[in-house]
Amino acid sequence: MDPIIKSSAKLSKRNQITVPKVVRDVLNVKPTEYLDFEIRSSHITVTKHKESVWDQIEKKKKAYHIDGKIGNPEIDWGKDAGNESIGE
């Protein structure tokens, strides 16, 4: 059985908390990553968010600036060099 680690955080006037370092370390979360909260009665479970396949697809679409289509952007190879002759 894993050891129990207890930690606390104070709720700010803006209803925010800083996730204690021990919790960040255990969950291996970095700044800008998401956490999931599961509430059961008066107990809350906090876990590191796991991206779904659809989350990953959305990231790729944004990275490639794809509007509603899945694919690769056309590559700009630069200015045309002129005529090509093969085998002459």
Protein backbone atom coordinates (compact mmCIF):
# COMPACT_ATOMS: atom_id res chain seq x y z
CA MET A 1 0.00 0.00 0.00
CA ASP A 2 1.28 3.46 -0.93
CA PRO A 3 2.11 5.84 1.91
CA ILE A 4 -0.41 8.60 2.61
CA ILE A 5 0.87 12.08 1.87
CA LYS A 6 -1.08 14.99 3.27
CA SER A 7 -0.80 18.58 2.18
CA SER A 8 -2.96 21.69 2.31
CA ALA A 9 -3.48 24.91 0.37
CA LYS A 10 -5.24 28.16 1.19
CA LEU A 11 -8.08 29.41 -1.00
CA SER A 12 -7.37 32.95 -2.21
CA LYS A 13 -9.88 35.80 -2.39
CA ARG A 14 -10.28 34.92 -6.06
CA ASN A 15 -11.11 31.28 -5.21
CA GLN A 16 -7.73 30.02 -6.44
CA ILE A 17 -5.20 27.70 -4.85
CA THR A 18 -1.58 26.91 -5.55
CA VAL A 19 -1.15 23.19 -6.00
CA PRO A 20 1.40 22.13 -3.37
CA LYS A 21 4.78 21.05 -4.72
CA VAL A 22 4.47 17.57 -3.25
CA VAL A 23 1.21 17.09 -5.20
CA ARG A 24 2.76 18.45 -8.43
CA ASP A 25 5.70 16.10 -7.97
CA VAL A 26 3.56 13.03 -7.30
CA LEU A 27 1.33 13.78 -10.31
CA ASN A 28 4.31 14.87 -12.45
CA VAL A 29 2.51 17.98 -13.70
CA LYS A 30 4.12 21.04 -15.21
CA PRO A 31 2.84 24.62 -15.62
CA THR A 32 -0.01 24.94 -18.17
CA GLU A 33 -0.95 21.23 -17.87
CA TYR A 34 -4.46 20.31 -16.79
CA LEU A 35 -5.68 18.51 -13.67
CA ASP A 36 -8.93 16.55 -13.36
CA PHE A 37 -11.09 16.70 -10.24
CA GLU A 38 -13.46 13.92 -9.24
CA ILE A 39 -15.86 14.74 -6.40
CA ARG A 40 -17.52 12.04 -4.30
CA SER A 41 -19.43 13.21 -1.29
CA SER A 42 -16.92 15.41 0.58
CA HIS A 43 -13.81 13.79 -0.96
CA ILE A 44 -12.04 15.10 -4.04
CA THR A 45 -9.60 13.10 -6.13
CA VAL A 46 -7.11 15.07 -8.21
CA THR A 47 -5.43 13.38 -11.17
CA LYS A 48 -3.27 14.48 -14.07
CA HIS A 49 -5.40 15.05 -17.15
CA LYS A 50 -4.88 12.46 -19.87
CA GLU A 51 -5.46 13.72 -23.38
CA SER A 52 -8.02 11.89 -25.42
CA VAL A 53 -7.40 11.06 -29.05
CA TRP A 54 -9.72 13.95 -29.97
CA ASP A 55 -7.66 16.39 -27.86
CA GLN A 56 -4.55 15.29 -29.76
CA ILE A 57 -6.31 15.70 -33.12
CA GLU A 58 -7.39 19.23 -32.17
CA LYS A 59 -3.79 20.11 -31.27
CA LYS A 60 -2.57 18.82 -34.65
CA LYS A 61 -5.29 20.76 -36.49
CA LYS A 62 -4.23 23.96 -34.74
CA ALA A 63 -0.54 23.27 -35.39
CA TYR A 64 -1.20 22.84 -39.12
CA HIS A 65 -3.86 25.59 -39.33
CA ILE A 66 -6.36 23.13 -40.74
CA ASP A 67 -9.92 24.45 -40.93
CA GLY A 68 -12.18 21.46 -40.51
CA LYS A 69 -9.93 19.16 -42.54
CA ILE A 70 -7.36 16.63 -41.48
CA GLY A 71 -4.24 16.65 -43.62
CA ASN A 72 -0.87 18.29 -44.09
CA PRO A 73 -0.35 21.83 -45.27
CA GLU A 74 1.21 22.41 -48.67
CA ILE A 75 4.93 23.03 -48.38
CA ASP A 76 6.28 26.27 -49.84
CA TRP A 77 9.49 25.21 -51.56
CA GLY A 78 10.37 28.78 -52.52
CA LYS A 79 10.83 30.47 -55.88
CA ASP A 80 10.85 28.25 -58.99
CA ALA A 81 14.40 27.73 -60.24
CA GLY A 82 13.33 27.41 -63.91
CA ASN A 83 13.32 24.50 -66.34
CA GLU A 84 14.61 21.11 -65.30
CA SER A 85 16.26 18.71 -67.66
CA ILE A 86 16.62 15.10 -66.69
CA GLY A 87 19.04 12.78 -68.51
CA GLU A 88 20.24 15.25 -71.09
